[in-house]
Protein backbone atom coordinates (compact mmCIF):
# COMPACT_ATOMS: atom_id res chain seq x y z
CA UNK A 1 29.91 37.72 32.66
CA UNK A 2 29.27 34.55 31.29
CA UNK A 3 25.74 33.98 33.14
CA UNK A 4 22.65 36.47 33.19
CA UNK A 5 21.89 37.51 36.79
CA UNK A 6 18.30 38.10 37.68
CA UNK A 7 17.79 40.75 40.55
CA UNK A 8 16.05 38.91 43.21
CA UNK A 9 12.51 40.50 44.66
CA UNK A 10 12.72 43.13 46.65
CA UNK A 11 12.10 43.18 50.72
CA UNK A 12 9.17 43.31 51.98
CA UNK A 13 7.98 46.05 54.21
CA UNK A 14 8.08 50.04 54.13
CA UNK A 15 12.02 50.55 54.45
CA UNK A 16 14.37 48.46 52.14
CA UNK A 17 17.84 49.20 53.49
CA UNK A 18 19.62 47.82 50.89
CA UNK A 19 17.64 49.97 48.35
CA UNK A 20 18.90 53.04 50.54
CA UNK A 21 22.33 51.96 50.36
CA UNK A 22 22.30 51.10 46.62
CA UNK A 23 20.66 54.46 45.92
CA UNK A 24 23.56 56.30 47.90
CA UNK A 25 26.33 54.18 45.85
CA UNK A 26 24.29 53.82 42.49
CA UNK A 27 27.60 54.93 40.15
CA UNK A 28 29.46 52.49 41.91
CA UNK A 29 26.76 49.54 41.82
CA UNK A 30 26.27 50.56 37.99
CA UNK A 31 30.20 50.34 36.98
CA UNK A 32 30.81 47.12 39.18
CA UNK A 33 31.84 44.22 37.43
CA UNK A 34 31.77 41.67 39.90
CA UNK A 35 30.53 41.85 43.65
CA UNK A 36 34.02 42.09 45.13
CA UNK A 37 34.47 45.56 43.77
CA UNK A 38 31.59 46.84 45.59
CA UNK A 39 32.57 45.06 48.75
CA UNK A 40 36.16 46.68 48.27
CA UNK A 41 34.23 50.13 48.04
CA UNK A 42 31.87 49.82 50.83
CA UNK A 43 34.98 48.71 52.82
CA UNK A 44 36.88 51.90 52.00
CA UNK A 45 33.90 53.69 53.24
CA UNK A 46 33.64 52.55 56.59
CA UNK A 47 31.26 49.74 56.21
CA UNK A 48 32.32 46.51 58.20
CA UNK A 49 30.73 42.99 59.03
CA UNK A 50 28.93 44.77 61.63
CA UNK A 51 27.32 47.19 59.89
CA UNK A 52 26.22 44.42 57.14
CA UNK A 53 24.57 43.16 59.92
CA UNK A 54 22.34 46.43 59.62
CA UNK A 55 21.43 45.19 56.16
CA UNK A 56 20.29 41.44 57.41
CA UNK A 57 23.54 40.24 55.83
CA UNK A 58 26.20 37.96 57.93
CA UNK A 59 29.15 40.20 56.27
CA UNK A 60 30.64 42.71 53.70
CA UNK A 61 30.65 40.70 50.92
CA UNK A 62 27.34 39.02 51.35
CA UNK A 63 25.84 42.16 51.42
CA UNK A 64 27.83 43.17 48.35
CA UNK A 65 26.84 40.28 46.43
CA UNK A 66 22.99 41.40 46.61
CA UNK A 67 23.60 44.77 45.83
CA UNK A 68 25.39 43.55 42.46
CA UNK A 69 22.32 41.15 41.76
CA UNK A 70 19.99 43.96 42.04
CA UNK A 71 20.98 45.90 39.70
CA UNK A 72 19.10 45.24 36.27
CA UNK A 73 21.19 43.89 33.74
CA UNK A 74 19.60 43.37 30.38
CA UNK A 75 22.24 43.23 28.27
CA UNK A 76 25.98 42.00 29.34
CA UNK A 77 29.07 43.54 27.31
CA UNK A 78 30.66 41.29 24.68
CA UNK A 79 33.82 41.25 26.57
CA UNK A 80 34.56 41.23 30.37
CA UNK A 81 37.03 44.19 30.96
CA UNK A 82 40.34 43.79 31.51
CA UNK A 83 41.80 42.98 35.19
CA UNK A 84 43.03 46.35 36.92
CA UNK A 85 46.58 46.85 36.79
CA UNK A 86 48.89 49.25 38.46
CA UNK A 87 50.60 51.44 35.66
CA UNK A 88 54.15 50.51 35.16
CA UNK A 89 56.44 52.78 37.03
CA UNK A 90 57.21 55.83 35.67
CA UNK A 91 60.52 55.97 33.74
CA UNK A 92 61.34 59.28 34.88
CA UNK A 93 61.11 58.72 38.33
CA UNK A 94 63.43 55.58 38.01
CA UNK A 95 65.81 57.46 36.32
CA UNK A 96 65.26 60.24 38.85
CA UNK A 97 66.04 58.01 41.41
CA UNK A 98 69.04 56.10 40.00
CA UNK A 99 70.52 59.44 38.93
CA UNK A 100 71.08 60.77 42.27
CA UNK A 101 72.58 57.53 43.57
CA UNK A 102 75.18 58.11 41.18
CA UNK A 103 75.54 61.00 42.36
CA UNK A 104 75.41 59.79 46.22
CA UNK A 105 78.01 57.22 45.00
CA UNK A 106 80.46 59.70 43.32
CA UNK A 107 80.57 61.63 46.50
CA UNK A 108 81.12 58.88 48.74
CA UNK A 109 84.06 57.78 46.23
CA UNK A 110 85.41 61.36 46.40
CA UNK A 111 84.91 61.46 50.24
CA UNK A 112 87.93 58.38 50.28
CA UNK A 113 90.08 60.40 47.82
CA UNK A 114 90.02 63.59 49.86
CA UNK A 115 91.18 64.64 53.01
CA UNK A 116 90.67 67.90 54.89
CA UNK A 117 87.76 70.26 55.09
CA UNK A 118 86.49 68.74 51.55
CA UNK A 119 85.19 65.90 53.05
CA UNK A 120 82.46 67.58 55.48
CA UNK A 121 81.30 68.83 52.02
CA UNK A 122 81.52 65.62 49.92
CA UNK A 123 79.68 63.88 53.46
CA UNK A 124 77.14 66.39 53.31
CA UNK A 125 76.88 66.08 49.03
CA UNK A 126 76.60 62.23 49.98
CA UNK A 127 73.82 62.52 52.04
CA UNK A 128 71.82 65.00 50.61
CA UNK A 129 71.83 63.20 46.84
CA UNK A 130 70.92 59.59 48.78
CA UNK A 131 68.36 61.07 50.88
CA UNK A 132 66.33 62.71 47.29
CA UNK A 133 67.20 59.01 45.70
CA UNK A 134 65.56 57.65 48.35
CA UNK A 135 62.61 60.00 49.17
CA UNK A 136 59.62 59.21 46.96
CA UNK A 137 56.58 61.00 48.32
CA UNK A 138 58.30 60.89 51.87
CA UNK A 139 59.51 63.78 53.58
CA UNK A 140 63.52 64.38 52.18
CA UNK A 141 64.25 66.29 55.36
CA UNK A 142 63.78 63.02 57.53
CA UNK A 143 65.16 60.93 55.46
CA UNK A 144 68.39 62.98 55.40
CA UNK A 145 68.05 62.95 59.13
CA UNK A 146 68.15 58.98 59.09
CA UNK A 147 71.15 58.72 56.56
CA UNK A 148 72.96 61.63 58.89
CA UNK A 149 72.71 59.18 61.81
CA UNK A 150 73.57 55.75 59.48
CA UNK A 151 76.59 57.62 58.61
CA UNK A 152 77.69 59.63 61.58
CA UNK A 153 75.84 58.54 64.40
CA UNK A 154 78.08 55.59 65.80
CA UNK A 155 80.80 57.73 65.86
CA UNK A 156 79.09 60.54 67.44
CA UNK A 157 78.29 58.26 70.24
CA UNK A 158 81.70 56.88 70.70
CA UNK A 159 83.08 60.31 70.77
CA UNK A 160 80.77 61.57 73.10
CA UNK A 161 81.37 58.45 75.39
CA UNK A 162 84.92 59.22 75.58
CA UNK A 163 84.27 62.79 76.62
CA UNK A 164 84.15 64.30 73.00
CA UNK A 165 83.73 65.35 70.41
CA UNK A 166 86.59 67.22 70.46
CA UNK A 167 87.16 67.40 66.50
CA UNK A 168 84.84 67.37 63.29
CA UNK A 169 84.38 64.10 61.71
CA UNK A 170 87.51 63.00 60.33
CA UNK A 171 86.79 60.81 57.36
CA UNK A 172 86.10 56.87 56.63
CA UNK A 173 87.25 54.86 59.05
CA UNK A 174 89.81 57.47 61.04
CA UNK A 175 90.60 58.85 63.98
CA UNK A 176 87.68 59.10 66.76
CA UNK A 177 84.78 60.26 64.52
CA UNK A 178 85.09 58.25 61.30
CA UNK A 179 82.64 58.60 58.88
CA UNK A 180 80.19 55.48 57.58
CA UNK A 181 80.16 55.35 54.19
CA UNK A 182 79.03 51.55 53.09
CA UNK A 183 75.56 52.21 54.28
CA UNK A 184 75.02 55.45 52.04
CA UNK A 185 76.79 53.68 48.98
CA UNK A 186 74.16 50.56 49.57
CA UNK A 187 71.12 52.82 50.60
CA UNK A 188 71.19 55.20 47.26
CA UNK A 189 70.31 52.91 44.82
CA UNK A 190 67.74 51.36 46.93
CA UNK A 191 65.48 53.98 46.63
CA UNK A 192 64.63 52.64 42.95
CA UNK A 193 64.79 49.32 44.18
CA UNK A 194 61.80 50.68 46.49
CA UNK A 195 59.63 52.09 43.81
CA UNK A 196 59.91 48.82 41.46
CA UNK A 197 59.07 46.85 44.71
CA UNK A 198 56.09 48.60 45.65
CA UNK A 199 55.01 48.38 41.88
CA UNK A 200 55.06 44.70 42.03
CA UNK A 201 53.49 44.42 45.24
CA UNK A 202 50.38 46.92 43.83
CA UNK A 203 50.31 45.34 40.32
CA UNK A 204 50.02 41.91 42.15
CA UNK A 205 47.70 42.52 44.70
CA UNK A 206 45.28 44.20 41.94
CA UNK A 207 45.56 40.63 39.95
CA UNK A 208 44.75 39.34 43.08
CA UNK A 209 41.58 41.28 43.81
CA UNK A 210 40.39 40.64 40.22
CA UNK A 211 40.97 36.85 40.97
CA UNK A 212 39.42 36.73 44.50
CA UNK A 213 36.11 35.66 45.21
CA UNK A 214 35.62 37.48 48.68
CA UNK A 215 37.21 39.76 51.01
CA UNK A 216 38.79 37.33 53.40
CA UNK A 217 40.06 35.19 49.92
CA UNK A 218 41.87 38.24 49.23
CA UNK A 219 43.41 39.08 52.53
CA UNK A 220 44.89 35.44 52.57
CA UNK A 221 45.85 35.81 48.74
CA UNK A 222 47.80 39.28 49.39
CA UNK A 223 49.74 38.86 52.68
CA UNK A 224 52.08 36.39 51.32
CA UNK A 225 53.19 38.68 48.47
CA UNK A 226 53.30 41.59 50.78
CA UNK A 227 55.75 39.81 52.96
CA UNK A 228 57.60 38.37 49.75
CA UNK A 229 58.11 41.52 48.34
CA UNK A 230 59.44 43.21 52.00
CA UNK A 231 62.16 39.89 51.56
CA UNK A 232 62.96 40.44 47.82
CA UNK A 233 63.63 44.14 48.70
CA UNK A 234 65.84 43.30 52.02
CA UNK A 235 67.63 40.36 50.26
CA UNK A 236 68.78 42.74 47.54
CA UNK A 237 69.77 45.54 50.06
CA UNK A 238 71.84 43.04 51.86
CA UNK A 239 73.73 42.10 48.54
CA UNK A 240 74.09 45.85 48.04
CA UNK A 241 75.40 46.18 51.40
CA UNK A 242 78.06 43.43 51.00
CA UNK A 243 79.27 44.82 47.71
CA UNK A 244 79.82 48.23 49.33
CA UNK A 245 81.23 47.00 52.20
CA UNK A 246 83.74 44.85 50.20
CA UNK A 247 84.40 48.47 47.48
CA UNK A 248 84.95 50.53 50.44
CA UNK A 249 86.89 48.12 52.84
CA UNK A 250 84.61 49.23 55.72
CA UNK A 251 82.46 47.22 58.17
CA UNK A 252 78.80 46.16 56.41
CA UNK A 253 77.01 47.67 59.58
CA UNK A 254 73.98 45.29 58.55
CA UNK A 255 71.71 45.87 61.64
CA UNK A 256 71.34 49.67 61.07
CA UNK A 257 71.14 49.57 57.32
CA UNK A 258 68.96 46.60 57.17
CA UNK A 259 66.30 48.09 59.17
CA UNK A 260 66.63 51.41 57.91
CA UNK A 261 65.62 50.14 54.48
CA UNK A 262 63.11 48.26 55.92
CA UNK A 263 61.47 51.24 57.36
CA UNK A 264 62.08 53.40 54.49
CA UNK A 265 60.59 50.38 52.41
CA UNK A 266 57.59 50.39 54.39
CA UNK A 267 56.82 53.96 54.90
CA UNK A 268 57.08 54.21 51.04
CA UNK A 269 54.60 51.05 50.87
CA UNK A 270 52.08 52.74 52.52
CA UNK A 271 52.30 56.46 51.23
CA UNK A 272 51.90 54.87 47.84
CA UNK A 273 48.72 53.47 48.75
CA UNK A 274 47.46 56.73 50.51
CA UNK A 275 48.19 55.93 54.14
CA UNK A 276 50.61 59.29 54.65
CA UNK A 277 49.60 59.83 58.31
CA UNK A 278 51.41 56.79 59.61
CA UNK A 279 55.25 57.12 58.21
CA UNK A 280 55.05 60.39 58.60
CA UNK A 281 54.36 59.96 62.52
CA UNK A 282 56.61 56.71 62.34
CA UNK A 283 59.76 58.53 60.68
CA UNK A 284 59.20 61.21 62.82
CA UNK A 285 59.36 59.29 66.07
CA UNK A 286 62.61 57.14 64.79
CA UNK A 287 64.59 60.64 63.64
CA UNK A 288 63.36 61.65 67.44
CA UNK A 289 64.90 58.37 69.20
CA UNK A 290 68.24 58.89 67.44
CA UNK A 291 68.34 62.43 68.45
CA UNK A 292 67.09 61.89 71.98
CA UNK A 293 70.41 59.25 72.53
CA UNK A 294 72.44 61.56 71.62
CA UNK A 295 71.26 64.42 73.20
CA UNK A 296 70.71 62.45 76.51
CA UNK A 297 74.46 61.91 76.61
CA UNK A 298 75.16 65.48 76.28
CA UNK A 299 72.84 66.22 79.09
CA UNK A 300 74.26 63.69 81.35
CA UNK A 301 77.24 65.78 81.78
CA UNK A 302 75.13 68.74 83.34
CA UNK A 303 75.37 68.89 87.12
CA UNK A 304 73.11 66.16 88.73
CA UNK A 305 72.19 64.35 85.31
CA UNK A 306 74.21 61.70 85.17
CA UNK A 307 71.36 59.24 85.28
CA UNK A 308 70.29 60.50 81.84
CA UNK A 309 73.22 58.54 80.37
CA UNK A 310 72.27 55.42 81.68
CA UNK A 311 69.89 53.77 79.22
CA UNK A 312 71.94 54.55 76.32
CA UNK A 313 75.34 53.34 77.95
CA UNK A 314 73.69 50.20 79.00
CA UNK A 315 72.44 49.73 75.09
CA UNK A 316 75.98 50.68 74.02
CA UNK A 317 77.76 48.56 76.29
CA UNK A 318 75.45 45.01 75.92
CA UNK A 319 75.47 45.83 71.97
CA UNK A 320 77.64 48.42 70.81
CA UNK A 321 76.78 51.77 69.10
CA UNK A 322 75.26 50.07 66.20
CA UNK A 323 72.00 48.97 68.49
CA UNK A 324 70.92 52.42 68.77
CA UNK A 325 69.97 53.32 64.87
CA UNK A 326 69.17 49.02 65.13
CA UNK A 327 66.65 49.38 67.70
CA UNK A 328 64.89 52.99 66.63
CA UNK A 329 64.67 51.67 62.82
CA UNK A 330 63.66 48.37 63.79
CA UNK A 331 60.94 49.37 66.12
CA UNK A 332 59.28 51.79 63.49
CA UNK A 333 59.68 49.58 60.63
CA UNK A 334 58.03 46.77 62.55
CA UNK A 335 55.45 49.23 63.54
CA UNK A 336 54.85 50.29 60.08
CA UNK A 337 54.47 46.40 58.91
CA UNK A 338 51.90 45.65 61.73
CA UNK A 339 50.06 48.59 60.03
CA UNK A 340 50.39 47.50 56.52
CA UNK A 341 49.44 43.90 57.18
CA UNK A 342 46.38 45.52 58.32
CA UNK A 343 45.69 47.84 56.13
CA UNK A 344 47.52 46.95 52.72
CA UNK A 345 45.99 43.48 52.86
CA UNK A 346 42.50 44.93 52.53
CA UNK A 347 40.40 45.42 49.60
CA UNK A 348 40.03 48.81 49.84
CA UNK A 349 43.44 49.59 49.75
CA UNK A 350 43.32 48.56 46.02
CA UNK A 351 40.09 49.17 44.82
CA UNK A 352 39.43 52.04 42.43
CA UNK A 353 37.69 54.87 43.66
CA UNK A 354 34.21 55.51 43.88
CA UNK A 355 33.85 58.91 43.49
CA UNK A 356 34.61 62.53 44.03
CA UNK A 357 33.91 62.06 47.43
CA UNK A 358 33.22 59.18 50.18
CA UNK A 359 29.74 58.73 51.29
CA UNK A 360 28.37 57.04 54.32
CA UNK A 361 27.01 53.76 54.71
């Protein structure tokens, strides 16, 4: 700090609520390098602007400024500590993601060069390795189910609507139940891309946290960063999808692939910042939505249950089979985006932890 701060006189009266709050967060106040760090930690522990009024302050940042100023600082450090930055993505994690992406690409290539029963085994191998490439800290089972629908879902919907399926999946762009492999080939390297984008957002947010002078200032600065990282990811994924489509000679399947990619990125961003509950819940809902679409068509064949097929048939007739995964993953991705813009743009999502356990206000 360039200027020496002097602590204001204590509040008059028998009870000093700010002093009591400082006592509960003593370690935080003593090690904080600026008021914003205190404000971010208080926000993380549930202190809101409304709570701050109980301490005779208009907002959390004003309260944090007093707490910072009232800590005795007889000496100042010779140099200010560097702003917190996110660690570089672990090379081992990136290499592991790229290795699984390469294995998935090899399985997809072999799928186009073989026929008969080996195609089912190669499809399973491609799905499994692609799910591992995209997993990160998320559930590999849920990702596997979403990828399986991306590869097989459109074909099985067409087959069920036509009265089938009468056979197992036949392979890329063949028969009544084709396997879409272009989405798998495009999404497999997206795991490493999502890891890098997550690091890009985290490091940028922490730099802005160090430079901001208030909680609202930080939120205004980090929201464009979040949207920019998402746009960068989707632009790169679009390029990967176009290249995969041209290489394999398959339709690009933009809608379902991009919405699935956006869903997985949003889940990765939230999970990387400790927000695990919402991604787990929303991924489960997306898997259940896609499974319900197929199950409702099959259940409609039971006597008196024809009405169960009406919603899916209406969607497919209007926009095609691709609308089912696009709507499911798109709604899920939008839900996580709204959640992320409310949580990841708060300073508390990027502040250093105060200690081993949270304390109340």
